[in-house]
Amino acid sequence: MCRTGSIPWPTNNLSCLAPGISRRVPVHTDWLQDISPFTARLNDIRKYVVSTTLDEPLPWKNSILIKDDVPRALEKLKAEQDKDAVVFGSGLLVQSLMRWKLMDELTLLIHPLILGSGRRLFPSGGVSAVLQLRNAKTTSNGVVIATYQPANPQPPPLR
């Protein structure tokens, strides 16, 4: 069984990646090119793409589309995998995982920057959760990497 969470970088225990894509955005194809130290890892890893707008075939190597009955598909995937499933940068998918009780861990990168505007990760009226801080580290430039787990994890209400 894999843990489901949101962390900012690939790990050795990562076998599946679930980027949530709600529309066609060219930036998501960046890892196809050899432009960063993560390119090979992201190309080789199995990617489960959660989308209601994309169709197969997907442009990413090792990608599988999850389009229908997403909660059950992700619950089944979580039970079958022995490594971690990670969500990179999709607030909507993270919120959905929390609502479906499929989020085991949430890692946030908190930058020392105030923009004053922009999209909120957790909008008003969205999912609420009580989280427990498991780990926090501060980088040399002041970014706080905070890892949380649900304070009272419950079985998913899918059946």
Protein backbone atom coordinates (compact mmCIF):
# COMPACT_ATOMS: atom_id res chain seq x y z
CA MET A 1 0.00 0.00 0.00
CA CYS A 2 1.41 3.36 -0.92
CA ARG A 3 1.14 6.59 1.00
CA THR A 4 -0.54 9.43 -0.85
CA GLY A 5 0.83 12.88 -0.36
CA SER A 6 2.15 16.08 -1.79
CA ILE A 7 5.90 16.54 -1.71
CA PRO A 8 8.10 18.87 -3.72
CA TRP A 9 10.68 16.48 -5.18
CA PRO A 10 11.12 12.89 -6.43
CA THR A 11 12.24 10.34 -3.85
CA ASN A 12 13.65 6.83 -4.04
CA ASN A 13 10.37 5.44 -2.72
CA LEU A 14 8.32 7.00 -5.50
CA SER A 15 6.64 4.76 -8.04
CA CYS A 16 3.62 6.73 -9.11
CA LEU A 17 2.92 10.36 -9.78
CA ALA A 18 -0.56 11.85 -9.99
CA PRO A 19 -0.47 15.31 -11.49
CA GLY A 20 -3.96 16.76 -11.57
CA ILE A 21 -4.57 18.50 -14.86
CA SER A 22 -7.87 20.25 -15.46
CA ARG A 23 -7.00 21.78 -18.84
CA ARG A 24 -4.28 21.55 -21.46
CA VAL A 25 -1.31 23.49 -20.11
CA PRO A 26 1.96 23.40 -22.11
CA VAL A 27 4.16 23.69 -19.00
CA HIS A 28 3.31 20.09 -18.05
CA THR A 29 5.37 18.81 -20.99
CA ASP A 30 8.57 20.44 -19.72
CA TRP A 31 9.91 17.19 -18.26
CA LEU A 32 9.92 15.64 -21.74
CA GLN A 33 13.05 17.62 -22.56
CA ASP A 34 16.44 17.09 -20.94
CA ILE A 35 16.42 20.40 -19.06
CA SER A 36 16.84 19.52 -15.39
CA PRO A 37 18.34 16.90 -13.08
CA PHE A 38 14.82 15.52 -12.52
CA THR A 39 14.06 14.90 -16.22
CA ALA A 40 15.20 11.27 -16.39
CA ARG A 41 13.42 10.37 -13.13
CA LEU A 42 10.18 12.05 -14.18
CA ASN A 43 10.29 10.43 -17.62
CA ASP A 44 10.94 6.94 -16.19
CA ILE A 45 8.40 7.03 -13.38
CA ARG A 46 4.82 5.78 -13.82
CA LYS A 47 2.48 8.77 -14.00
CA TYR A 48 -1.23 8.57 -13.24
CA VAL A 49 -2.81 11.66 -14.75
CA VAL A 50 -6.13 12.70 -13.22
CA SER A 51 -8.09 14.75 -15.75
CA THR A 52 -11.61 15.23 -17.03
CA THR A 53 -10.48 17.05 -20.17
CA LEU A 54 -7.55 15.04 -21.56
CA ASP A 55 -7.82 11.99 -23.79
CA GLU A 56 -5.41 9.15 -24.47
CA PRO A 57 -2.81 8.84 -25.75
CA LEU A 58 -1.10 11.18 -23.31
CA PRO A 59 2.10 12.94 -24.40
CA TRP A 60 4.09 11.80 -21.37
CA LYS A 61 6.08 8.58 -21.28
CA ASN A 62 4.69 5.96 -18.83
CA SER A 63 1.40 7.82 -18.33
CA ILE A 64 -2.01 6.40 -17.53
CA LEU A 65 -5.16 8.52 -17.63
CA ILE A 66 -7.62 8.38 -14.73
CA LYS A 67 -10.77 10.01 -16.00
CA ASP A 68 -13.77 8.12 -14.63
CA ASP A 69 -14.76 7.24 -11.05
CA VAL A 70 -11.64 8.99 -9.77
CA PRO A 71 -12.12 8.33 -6.02
CA ARG A 72 -12.44 4.56 -6.48
CA ALA A 73 -9.65 4.43 -9.06
CA LEU A 74 -7.28 6.24 -6.70
CA GLU A 75 -8.36 4.13 -3.72
CA LYS A 76 -7.59 0.98 -5.74
CA LEU A 77 -4.27 2.39 -6.95
CA LYS A 78 -3.30 3.28 -3.39
CA ALA A 79 -4.07 -0.25 -2.18
CA GLU A 80 -2.13 -1.91 -5.03
CA GLN A 81 1.04 0.21 -4.96
CA ASP A 82 3.90 -0.49 -2.60
CA LYS A 83 5.53 2.91 -3.07
CA ASP A 84 4.38 6.48 -2.55
CA ALA A 85 2.02 8.38 -4.81
CA VAL A 86 2.92 12.04 -5.00
CA VAL A 87 1.00 15.05 -6.28
CA PHE A 88 3.06 17.91 -7.67
CA GLY A 89 1.37 21.30 -7.69
CA SER A 90 -2.32 20.47 -8.05
CA GLY A 91 -4.32 22.12 -5.31
CA LEU A 92 -7.57 20.80 -6.75
CA LEU A 93 -6.38 17.18 -6.67
CA VAL A 94 -4.92 17.62 -3.16
CA GLN A 95 -8.27 19.00 -1.94
CA SER A 96 -10.10 16.10 -3.57
CA LEU A 97 -7.77 13.56 -1.96
CA MET A 98 -8.42 15.19 1.40
CA ARG A 99 -12.20 15.12 0.86
CA TRP A 100 -12.04 11.43 -0.09
CA LYS A 101 -9.80 10.65 2.94
CA LEU A 102 -7.02 9.42 0.63
CA MET A 103 -4.36 11.93 1.73
CA ASP A 104 -1.82 10.45 4.14
CA GLU A 105 0.63 13.31 4.23
CA LEU A 106 0.85 16.92 3.06
CA THR A 107 4.15 18.72 2.58
CA LEU A 108 4.01 22.45 2.02
CA LEU A 109 6.85 24.72 0.97
CA ILE A 110 6.28 28.06 2.67
CA HIS A 111 8.29 30.82 1.02
CA PRO A 112 9.16 34.06 2.85
CA LEU A 113 7.26 36.15 0.31
CA ILE A 114 3.96 37.99 0.51
CA LEU A 115 2.31 38.57 -2.85
CA GLY A 116 -0.95 40.13 -1.67
CA SER A 117 -2.99 38.35 -4.31
CA GLY A 118 -3.28 35.12 -6.22
CA ARG A 119 -4.94 31.73 -6.11
CA ARG A 120 -5.41 30.20 -2.66
CA LEU A 121 -4.38 26.60 -2.07
CA PHE A 122 -7.39 26.08 0.19
CA PRO A 123 -10.32 28.29 -0.91
CA SER A 124 -13.21 29.45 1.26
CA GLY A 125 -15.87 26.78 1.50
CA GLY A 126 -13.39 24.08 0.52
CA VAL A 127 -12.26 21.01 2.40
CA SER A 128 -11.41 21.51 6.07
CA ALA A 129 -9.07 19.22 7.97
CA VAL A 130 -7.25 19.07 11.26
CA LEU A 131 -3.58 18.42 10.57
CA GLN A 132 -0.73 17.41 12.84
CA LEU A 133 2.78 18.71 12.15
CA ARG A 134 5.17 15.75 11.67
CA ASN A 135 8.28 17.54 10.50
CA ALA A 136 9.54 21.02 9.67
CA LYS A 137 12.82 22.13 8.15
CA THR A 138 14.02 25.55 7.14
CA THR A 139 16.28 25.95 4.12
CA SER A 140 19.19 28.38 4.01
CA ASN A 141 17.05 30.93 2.13
CA GLY A 142 14.19 30.80 4.64
CA VAL A 143 11.80 28.39 2.90
CA VAL A 144 10.02 26.26 5.48
CA ILE A 145 9.29 22.68 4.43
CA ALA A 146 6.44 21.57 6.68
CA THR A 147 5.05 18.02 6.61
CA TYR A 148 1.62 17.33 8.05
CA GLN A 149 -0.58 14.29 8.53
CA PRO A 150 -4.31 14.19 9.20
CA ALA A 151 -4.80 14.35 12.97
CA ASN A 152 -7.60 11.79 12.90
CA PRO A 153 -7.27 9.66 9.77
CA GLN A 154 -10.48 7.86 8.88
CA PRO A 155 -11.22 5.18 6.33
CA PRO A 156 -12.40 6.54 2.99
CA PRO A 157 -16.19 7.01 2.73
CA LEU A 158 -16.37 5.45 -0.74
CA ARG A 159 -18.40 2.28 -0.22
